[in-house]
Amino acid sequence: MTNLEKYNKVFQVILKKEGEELKELRYRGVPEWDSMGHMNLVGELEEKFDIMLDTPDMLAFSSYEKGKEILKKYGVEIEKEDA
């Protein structure tokens, strides 16, 4: 499983969203991504990628796309989807 597949799976399981919906996800943009959903999302990503996000990065994790940038700081490359 690629890092992109793992990343997407976390969003699919925690936020109950699929496919093209993922790219548009933003914190508090859907009912499932509230403060509790945010902590669940961060915790699951930390577990899947064996990292520990710093508090400023947790707070900056405001969208699906921003999350990819933040994980890159921790050495987790999220591959771009094939066009």
PDB file of N, CA and C in Angstrom:
ATOM      1  N   MET A   1       0.843  -1.177   0.000  1.00  0.00           N
ATOM      2  CA  MET A   1       0.000   0.000   0.000  1.00  0.00           C
ATOM      3  C   MET A   1       0.894   1.248   0.000  1.00  0.00           C
ATOM      4  N   THR A   2       0.602   2.194  -0.893  1.00  0.00           N
ATOM      5  CA  THR A   2       1.398   3.414  -0.977  1.00  0.00           C
ATOM      6  C   THR A   2       1.028   4.359   0.162  1.00  0.00           C
ATOM      7  N   ASN A   3       1.869   5.355   0.380  1.00  0.00           N
ATOM      8  CA  ASN A   3       1.566   6.357   1.401  1.00  0.00           C
ATOM      9  C   ASN A   3       0.281   7.109   1.064  1.00  0.00           C
ATOM     10  N   LEU A   4       0.045   7.363  -0.222  1.00  0.00           N
ATOM     11  CA  LEU A   4      -1.187   8.039  -0.621  1.00  0.00           C
ATOM     12  C   LEU A   4      -2.400   7.174  -0.280  1.00  0.00           C
ATOM     13  N   GLU A   5      -2.307   5.896  -0.537  1.00  0.00           N
ATOM     14  CA  GLU A   5      -3.413   4.998  -0.213  1.00  0.00           C
ATOM     15  C   GLU A   5      -3.658   4.951   1.295  1.00  0.00           C
ATOM     16  N   LYS A   6      -2.592   4.905   2.080  1.00  0.00           N
ATOM     17  CA  LYS A   6      -2.737   4.917   3.547  1.00  0.00           C
ATOM     18  C   LYS A   6      -3.377   6.224   4.009  1.00  0.00           C
ATOM     19  N   TYR A   7      -2.874   7.328   3.469  1.00  0.00           N
ATOM     20  CA  TYR A   7      -3.381   8.664   3.822  1.00  0.00           C
ATOM     21  C   TYR A   7      -4.878   8.748   3.507  1.00  0.00           C
ATOM     22  N   ASN A   8      -5.243   8.363   2.287  1.00  0.00           N
ATOM     23  CA  ASN A   8      -6.648   8.407   1.892  1.00  0.00           C
ATOM     24  C   ASN A   8      -7.511   7.514   2.768  1.00  0.00           C
ATOM     25  N   LYS A   9      -7.008   6.349   3.098  1.00  0.00           N
ATOM     26  CA  LYS A   9      -7.770   5.390   3.912  1.00  0.00           C
ATOM     27  C   LYS A   9      -8.100   5.974   5.286  1.00  0.00           C
ATOM     28  N   VAL A  10      -7.151   6.701   5.867  1.00  0.00           N
ATOM     29  CA  VAL A  10      -7.400   7.334   7.169  1.00  0.00           C
ATOM     30  C   VAL A  10      -8.570   8.306   7.052  1.00  0.00           C
ATOM     31  N   PHE A  11      -8.560   9.147   6.021  1.00  0.00           N
ATOM     32  CA  PHE A  11      -9.654  10.098   5.831  1.00  0.00           C
ATOM     33  C   PHE A  11     -10.970   9.363   5.567  1.00  0.00           C
ATOM     34  N   GLN A  12     -10.912   8.292   4.785  1.00  0.00           N
ATOM     35  CA  GLN A  12     -12.123   7.535   4.466  1.00  0.00           C
ATOM     36  C   GLN A  12     -12.732   6.913   5.713  1.00  0.00           C
ATOM     37  N   VAL A  13     -11.902   6.367   6.576  1.00  0.00           N
ATOM     38  CA  VAL A  13     -12.392   5.703   7.785  1.00  0.00           C
ATOM     39  C   VAL A  13     -12.859   6.720   8.827  1.00  0.00           C
ATOM     40  N   ILE A  14     -12.044   7.717   9.101  1.00  0.00           N
ATOM     41  CA  ILE A  14     -12.372   8.678  10.163  1.00  0.00           C
ATOM     42  C   ILE A  14     -13.496   9.630   9.756  1.00  0.00           C
ATOM     43  N   LEU A  15     -13.415  10.160   8.525  1.00  0.00           N
ATOM     44  CA  LEU A  15     -14.387  11.172   8.101  1.00  0.00           C
ATOM     45  C   LEU A  15     -15.502  10.627   7.217  1.00  0.00           C
ATOM     46  N   LYS A  16     -15.424   9.337   6.890  1.00  0.00           N
ATOM     47  CA  LYS A  16     -16.470   8.690   6.095  1.00  0.00           C
ATOM     48  C   LYS A  16     -16.682   9.383   4.740  1.00  0.00           C
ATOM     49  N   LYS A  17     -15.593   9.712   4.075  1.00  0.00           N
ATOM     50  CA  LYS A  17     -15.645  10.352   2.755  1.00  0.00           C
ATOM     51  C   LYS A  17     -14.875   9.499   1.762  1.00  0.00           C
ATOM     52  N   GLU A  18     -15.196   9.651   0.485  1.00  0.00           N
ATOM     53  CA  GLU A  18     -14.600   8.813  -0.556  1.00  0.00           C
ATOM     54  C   GLU A  18     -14.084   9.646  -1.722  1.00  0.00           C
ATOM     55  N   GLY A  19     -13.202   9.044  -2.509  1.00  0.00           N
ATOM     56  CA  GLY A  19     -12.753   9.545  -3.801  1.00  0.00           C
ATOM     57  C   GLY A  19     -12.489  11.027  -3.900  1.00  0.00           C
ATOM     58  N   GLU A  20     -13.169  11.654  -4.839  1.00  0.00           N
ATOM     59  CA  GLU A  20     -12.956  13.069  -5.128  1.00  0.00           C
ATOM     60  C   GLU A  20     -13.323  13.975  -3.948  1.00  0.00           C
ATOM     61  N   GLU A  21     -14.172  13.503  -3.057  1.00  0.00           N
ATOM     62  CA  GLU A  21     -14.535  14.298  -1.876  1.00  0.00           C
ATOM     63  C   GLU A  21     -13.308  14.628  -1.034  1.00  0.00           C
ATOM     64  N   LEU A  22     -12.325  13.742  -1.022  1.00  0.00           N
ATOM     65  CA  LEU A  22     -11.162  13.912  -0.149  1.00  0.00           C
ATOM     66  C   LEU A  22     -10.417  15.208  -0.419  1.00  0.00           C
ATOM     67  N   LYS A  23     -10.184  15.507  -1.682  1.00  0.00           N
ATOM     68  CA  LYS A  23      -9.377  16.677  -2.055  1.00  0.00           C
ATOM     69  C   LYS A  23      -9.975  17.985  -1.569  1.00  0.00           C
ATOM     70  N   GLU A  24     -11.282  18.010  -1.385  1.00  0.00           N
ATOM     71  CA  GLU A  24     -11.971  19.238  -0.980  1.00  0.00           C
ATOM     72  C   GLU A  24     -12.159  19.355   0.537  1.00  0.00           C
ATOM     73  N   LEU A  25     -11.749  18.347   1.275  1.00  0.00           N
ATOM     74  CA  LEU A  25     -11.992  18.350   2.726  1.00  0.00           C
ATOM     75  C   LEU A  25     -11.184  19.431   3.438  1.00  0.00           C
ATOM     76  N   ARG A  26     -11.900  20.141   4.323  1.00  0.00           N
ATOM     77  CA  ARG A  26     -11.290  21.180   5.149  1.00  0.00           C
ATOM     78  C   ARG A  26     -11.814  21.010   6.573  1.00  0.00           C
ATOM     79  N   TYR A  27     -10.967  21.377   7.532  1.00  0.00           N
ATOM     80  CA  TYR A  27     -11.371  21.335   8.941  1.00  0.00           C
ATOM     81  C   TYR A  27     -12.641  22.152   9.122  1.00  0.00           C
ATOM     82  N   ARG A  28     -13.626  21.557   9.765  1.00  0.00           N
ATOM     83  CA  ARG A  28     -14.943  22.131  10.013  1.00  0.00           C
ATOM     84  C   ARG A  28     -15.739  22.385   8.737  1.00  0.00           C
ATOM     85  N   GLY A  29     -15.269  21.814   7.613  1.00  0.00           N
ATOM     86  CA  GLY A  29     -15.999  21.933   6.361  1.00  0.00           C
ATOM     87  C   GLY A  29     -17.074  20.864   6.214  1.00  0.00           C
ATOM     88  N   VAL A  30     -16.954  19.820   7.018  1.00  0.00           N
ATOM     89  CA  VAL A  30     -17.963  18.754   7.065  1.00  0.00           C
ATOM     90  C   VAL A  30     -18.208  18.433   8.536  1.00  0.00           C
ATOM     91  N   PRO A  31     -19.413  17.990   8.871  1.00  0.00           N
ATOM     92  CA  PRO A  31     -19.715  17.722  10.281  1.00  0.00           C
ATOM     93  C   PRO A  31     -18.745  16.734  10.945  1.00  0.00           C
ATOM     94  N   GLU A  32     -18.250  15.766  10.191  1.00  0.00           N
ATOM     95  CA  GLU A  32     -17.369  14.757  10.764  1.00  0.00           C
ATOM     96  C   GLU A  32     -15.991  15.314  11.157  1.00  0.00           C
ATOM     97  N   TRP A  33     -15.583  16.417  10.534  1.00  0.00           N
ATOM     98  CA  TRP A  33     -14.260  16.985  10.845  1.00  0.00           C
ATOM     99  C   TRP A  33     -14.423  18.149  11.813  1.00  0.00           C
ATOM    100  N   ASP A  34     -14.893  17.815  12.991  1.00  0.00           N
ATOM    101  CA  ASP A  34     -14.977  18.770  14.097  1.00  0.00           C
ATOM    102  C   ASP A  34     -13.742  18.573  14.964  1.00  0.00           C
ATOM    103  N   SER A  35     -13.716  19.144  16.144  1.00  0.00           N
ATOM    104  CA  SER A  35     -12.512  19.037  16.984  1.00  0.00           C
ATOM    105  C   SER A  35     -12.218  17.584  17.367  1.00  0.00           C
ATOM    106  N   MET A  36     -13.237  16.798  17.637  1.00  0.00           N
ATOM    107  CA  MET A  36     -13.021  15.389  17.977  1.00  0.00           C
ATOM    108  C   MET A  36     -12.552  14.611  16.751  1.00  0.00           C
ATOM    109  N   GLY A  37     -13.175  14.860  15.617  1.00  0.00           N
ATOM    110  CA  GLY A  37     -12.752  14.224  14.377  1.00  0.00           C
ATOM    111  C   GLY A  37     -11.321  14.586  14.030  1.00  0.00           C
ATOM    112  N   HIS A  38     -10.949  15.821  14.326  1.00  0.00           N
ATOM    113  CA  HIS A  38      -9.580  16.280  14.055  1.00  0.00           C
ATOM    114  C   HIS A  38      -8.570  15.483  14.881  1.00  0.00           C
ATOM    115  N   MET A  39      -8.859  15.317  16.157  1.00  0.00           N
ATOM    116  CA  MET A  39      -7.939  14.571  17.015  1.00  0.00           C
ATOM    117  C   MET A  39      -7.880  13.098  16.590  1.00  0.00           C
ATOM    118  N   ASN A  40      -9.001  12.530  16.204  1.00  0.00           N
ATOM    119  CA  ASN A  40      -9.010  11.150  15.716  1.00  0.00           C
ATOM    120  C   ASN A  40      -8.192  11.022  14.436  1.00  0.00           C
ATOM    121  N   LEU A  41      -8.340  11.989  13.551  1.00  0.00           N
ATOM    122  CA  LEU A  41      -7.601  11.990  12.295  1.00  0.00           C
ATOM    123  C   LEU A  41      -6.101  12.082  12.544  1.00  0.00           C
ATOM    124  N   VAL A  42      -5.702  13.028  13.377  1.00  0.00           N
ATOM    125  CA  VAL A  42      -4.277  13.210  13.700  1.00  0.00           C
ATOM    126  C   VAL A  42      -3.725  11.946  14.365  1.00  0.00           C
ATOM    127  N   GLY A  43      -4.437  11.406  15.324  1.00  0.00           N
ATOM    128  CA  GLY A  43      -3.975  10.210  16.020  1.00  0.00           C
ATOM    129  C   GLY A  43      -3.794   9.028  15.089  1.00  0.00           C
ATOM    130  N   GLU A  44      -4.734   8.853  14.180  1.00  0.00           N
ATOM    131  CA  GLU A  44      -4.652   7.739  13.234  1.00  0.00           C
ATOM    132  C   GLU A  44      -3.497   7.933  12.250  1.00  0.00           C
ATOM    133  N   LEU A  45      -3.293   9.157  11.788  1.00  0.00           N
ATOM    134  CA  LEU A  45      -2.165   9.433  10.888  1.00  0.00           C
ATOM    135  C   LEU A  45      -0.834   9.198  11.595  1.00  0.00           C
ATOM    136  N   GLU A  46      -0.753   9.633  12.857  1.00  0.00           N
ATOM    137  CA  GLU A  46       0.477   9.401  13.620  1.00  0.00           C
ATOM    138  C   GLU A  46       0.761   7.904  13.738  1.00  0.00           C
ATOM    139  N   GLU A  47      -0.278   7.138  13.997  1.00  0.00           N
ATOM    140  CA  GLU A  47      -0.100   5.690  14.140  1.00  0.00           C
ATOM    141  C   GLU A  47       0.289   5.043  12.807  1.00  0.00           C
ATOM    142  N   LYS A  48      -0.420   5.382  11.738  1.00  0.00           N
ATOM    143  CA  LYS A  48      -0.168   4.763  10.429  1.00  0.00           C
ATOM    144  C   LYS A  48       1.235   5.061   9.907  1.00  0.00           C
ATOM    145  N   PHE A  49       1.725   6.286  10.177  1.00  0.00           N
ATOM    146  CA  PHE A  49       3.016   6.694   9.627  1.00  0.00           C
ATOM    147  C   PHE A  49       4.136   6.712  10.671  1.00  0.00           C
ATOM    148  N   ASP A  50       3.825   6.263  11.893  1.00  0.00           N
ATOM    149  CA  ASP A  50       4.805   6.179  12.968  1.00  0.00           C
ATOM    150  C   ASP A  50       5.541   7.501  13.181  1.00  0.00           C
ATOM    151  N   ILE A  51       4.744   8.557  13.357  1.00  0.00           N
ATOM    152  CA  ILE A  51       5.276   9.901  13.592  1.00  0.00           C
ATOM    153  C   ILE A  51       4.547  10.504  14.785  1.00  0.00           C
ATOM    154  N   MET A  52       5.030  11.654  15.254  1.00  0.00           N
ATOM    155  CA  MET A  52       4.374  12.402  16.321  1.00  0.00           C
ATOM    156  C   MET A  52       4.354  13.867  15.898  1.00  0.00           C
ATOM    157  N   LEU A  53       3.169  14.374  15.568  1.00  0.00           N
ATOM    158  CA  LEU A  53       3.054  15.751  15.115  1.00  0.00           C
ATOM    159  C   LEU A  53       3.225  16.723  16.282  1.00  0.00           C
ATOM    160  N   ASP A  54       3.939  17.809  16.028  1.00  0.00           N
ATOM    161  CA  ASP A  54       4.058  18.882  17.005  1.00  0.00           C
ATOM    162  C   ASP A  54       2.733  19.637  17.064  1.00  0.00           C
ATOM    163  N   THR A  55       2.461  20.271  18.181  1.00  0.00           N
ATOM    164  CA  THR A  55       1.204  20.997  18.354  1.00  0.00           C
ATOM    165  C   THR A  55       0.962  22.032  17.258  1.00  0.00           C
ATOM    166  N   PRO A  56       1.954  22.859  16.881  1.00  0.00           N
ATOM    167  CA  PRO A  56       1.695  23.828  15.796  1.00  0.00           C
ATOM    168  C   PRO A  56       1.275  23.147  14.491  1.00  0.00           C
ATOM    169  N   ASP A  57       1.832  21.970  14.216  1.00  0.00           N
ATOM    170  CA  ASP A  57       1.454  21.254  13.000  1.00  0.00           C
ATOM    171  C   ASP A  57       0.050  20.674  13.107  1.00  0.00           C
ATOM    172  N   MET A  58      -0.333  20.230  14.297  1.00  0.00           N
ATOM    173  CA  MET A  58      -1.707  19.751  14.492  1.00  0.00           C
ATOM    174  C   MET A  58      -2.695  20.871  14.220  1.00  0.00           C
ATOM    175  N   LEU A  59      -2.372  22.059  14.711  1.00  0.00           N
ATOM    176  CA  LEU A  59      -3.255  23.207  14.525  1.00  0.00           C
ATOM    177  C   LEU A  59      -3.283  23.668  13.076  1.00  0.00           C
ATOM    178  N   ALA A  60      -2.167  23.538  12.368  1.00  0.00           N
ATOM    179  CA  ALA A  60      -2.078  23.965  10.973  1.00  0.00           C
ATOM    180  C   ALA A  60      -2.710  22.961  10.012  1.00  0.00           C
ATOM    181  N   PHE A  61      -2.998  21.768  10.489  1.00  0.00           N
ATOM    182  CA  PHE A  61      -3.563  20.701   9.660  1.00  0.00           C
ATOM    183  C   PHE A  61      -5.026  21.050   9.379  1.00  0.00           C
ATOM    184  N   SER A  62      -5.237  21.913   8.402  1.00  0.00           N
ATOM    185  CA  SER A  62      -6.558  22.483   8.168  1.00  0.00           C
ATOM    186  C   SER A  62      -7.285  21.934   6.953  1.00  0.00           C
ATOM    187  N   SER A  63      -6.617  21.086   6.181  1.00  0.00           N
ATOM    188  CA  SER A  63      -7.264  20.511   5.006  1.00  0.00           C
ATOM    189  C   SER A  63      -6.542  19.234   4.595  1.00  0.00           C
ATOM    190  N   TYR A  64      -7.178  18.498   3.722  1.00  0.00           N
ATOM    191  CA  TYR A  64      -6.592  17.281   3.162  1.00  0.00           C
ATOM    192  C   TYR A  64      -5.250  17.604   2.508  1.00  0.00           C
ATOM    193  N   GLU A  65      -5.217  18.656   1.686  1.00  0.00           N
ATOM    194  CA  GLU A  65      -3.995  19.030   0.971  1.00  0.00           C
ATOM    195  C   GLU A  65      -2.917  19.543   1.927  1.00  0.00           C
ATOM    196  N   LYS A  66      -3.300  20.350   2.907  1.00  0.00           N
ATOM    197  CA  LYS A  66      -2.329  20.873   3.881  1.00  0.00           C
ATOM    198  C   LYS A  66      -1.700  19.734   4.673  1.00  0.00           C
ATOM    199  N   GLY A  67      -2.476  18.711   4.954  1.00  0.00           N
ATOM    200  CA  GLY A  67      -1.957  17.551   5.674  1.00  0.00           C
ATOM    201  C   GLY A  67      -0.798  16.892   4.939  1.00  0.00           C
ATOM    202  N   LYS A  68      -0.881  16.830   3.622  1.00  0.00           N
ATOM    203  CA  LYS A  68       0.210  16.256   2.834  1.00  0.00           C
ATOM    204  C   LYS A  68       1.492  17.044   3.026  1.00  0.00           C
ATOM    205  N   GLU A  69       1.380  18.380   3.020  1.00  0.00           N
ATOM    206  CA  GLU A  69       2.546  19.246   3.226  1.00  0.00           C
ATOM    207  C   GLU A  69       3.148  19.033   4.611  1.00  0.00           C
ATOM    208  N   ILE A  70       2.296  18.947   5.599  1.00  0.00           N
ATOM    209  CA  ILE A  70       2.772  18.773   6.975  1.00  0.00           C
ATOM    210  C   ILE A  70       3.469  17.425   7.143  1.00  0.00           C
ATOM    211  N   LEU A  71       2.887  16.361   6.612  1.00  0.00           N
ATOM    212  CA  LEU A  71       3.514  15.046   6.745  1.00  0.00           C
ATOM    213  C   LEU A  71       4.885  15.007   6.067  1.00  0.00           C
ATOM    214  N   LYS A  72       5.046  15.770   5.008  1.00  0.00           N
ATOM    215  CA  LYS A  72       6.339  15.824   4.318  1.00  0.00           C
ATOM    216  C   LYS A  72       7.446  16.303   5.264  1.00  0.00           C
ATOM    217  N   LYS A  73       7.102  17.217   6.175  1.00  0.00           N
ATOM    218  CA  LYS A  73       8.075  17.703   7.171  1.00  0.00           C
ATOM    219  C   LYS A  73       8.575  16.571   8.063  1.00  0.00           C
ATOM    220  N   TYR A  74       7.786  15.514   8.178  1.00  0.00           N
ATOM    221  CA  TYR A  74       8.127  14.377   9.036  1.00  0.00           C
ATOM    222  C   TYR A  74       8.688  13.208   8.225  1.00  0.00           C
ATOM    223  N   GLY A  75       9.049  13.502   6.987  1.00  0.00           N
ATOM    224  CA  GLY A  75       9.658  12.474   6.139  1.00  0.00           C
ATOM    225  C   GLY A  75       8.668  11.549   5.460  1.00  0.00           C
ATOM    226  N   VAL A  76       7.401  11.898   5.486  1.00  0.00           N
ATOM    227  CA  VAL A  76       6.366  11.070   4.846  1.00  0.00           C
ATOM    228  C   VAL A  76       5.994  11.730   3.512  1.00  0.00           C
ATOM    229  N   GLU A  77       6.427  11.118   2.433  1.00  0.00           N
ATOM    230  CA  GLU A  77       6.088  11.605   1.092  1.00  0.00           C
ATOM    231  C   GLU A  77       4.770  11.002   0.660  1.00  0.00           C
ATOM    232  N   ILE A  78       3.815  11.853   0.348  1.00  0.00           N
ATOM    233  CA  ILE A  78       2.536  11.395  -0.172  1.00  0.00           C
ATOM    234  C   ILE A  78       2.598  11.587  -1.686  1.00  0.00           C
ATOM    235  N   GLU A  79       2.616  10.477  -2.396  1.00  0.00           N
ATOM    236  CA  GLU A  79       2.742  10.510  -3.842  1.00  0.00           C
ATOM    237  C   GLU A  79       1.535  11.192  -4.468  1.00  0.00           C
ATOM    238  N   LYS A  80       1.774  11.844  -5.580  1.00  0.00           N
ATOM    239  CA  LYS A  80       0.675  12.423  -6.331  1.00  0.00           C
ATOM    240  C   LYS A  80      -0.056  11.312  -7.060  1.00  0.00           C
ATOM    241  N   GLU A  81      -1.363  11.494  -7.202  1.00  0.00           N
ATOM    242  CA  GLU A  81      -2.148  10.500  -7.918  1.00  0.00           C
ATOM    243  C   GLU A  81      -1.808  10.538  -9.393  1.00  0.00           C
ATOM    244  N   ASP A  82      -1.897   9.396 -10.045  1.00  0.00           N
ATOM    245  CA  ASP A  82      -1.669   9.350 -11.485  1.00  0.00           C
ATOM    246  C   ASP A  82      -2.737  10.157 -12.195  1.00  0.00           C
ATOM    247  N   ALA A  83      -2.305  10.902 -13.199  1.00  0.00           N
ATOM    248  CA  ALA A  83      -3.259  11.739 -13.934  1.00  0.00           C
ATOM    249  C   ALA A  83      -4.025  10.924 -14.953  1.00  0.00           C
TER     250      ALA A  83
END
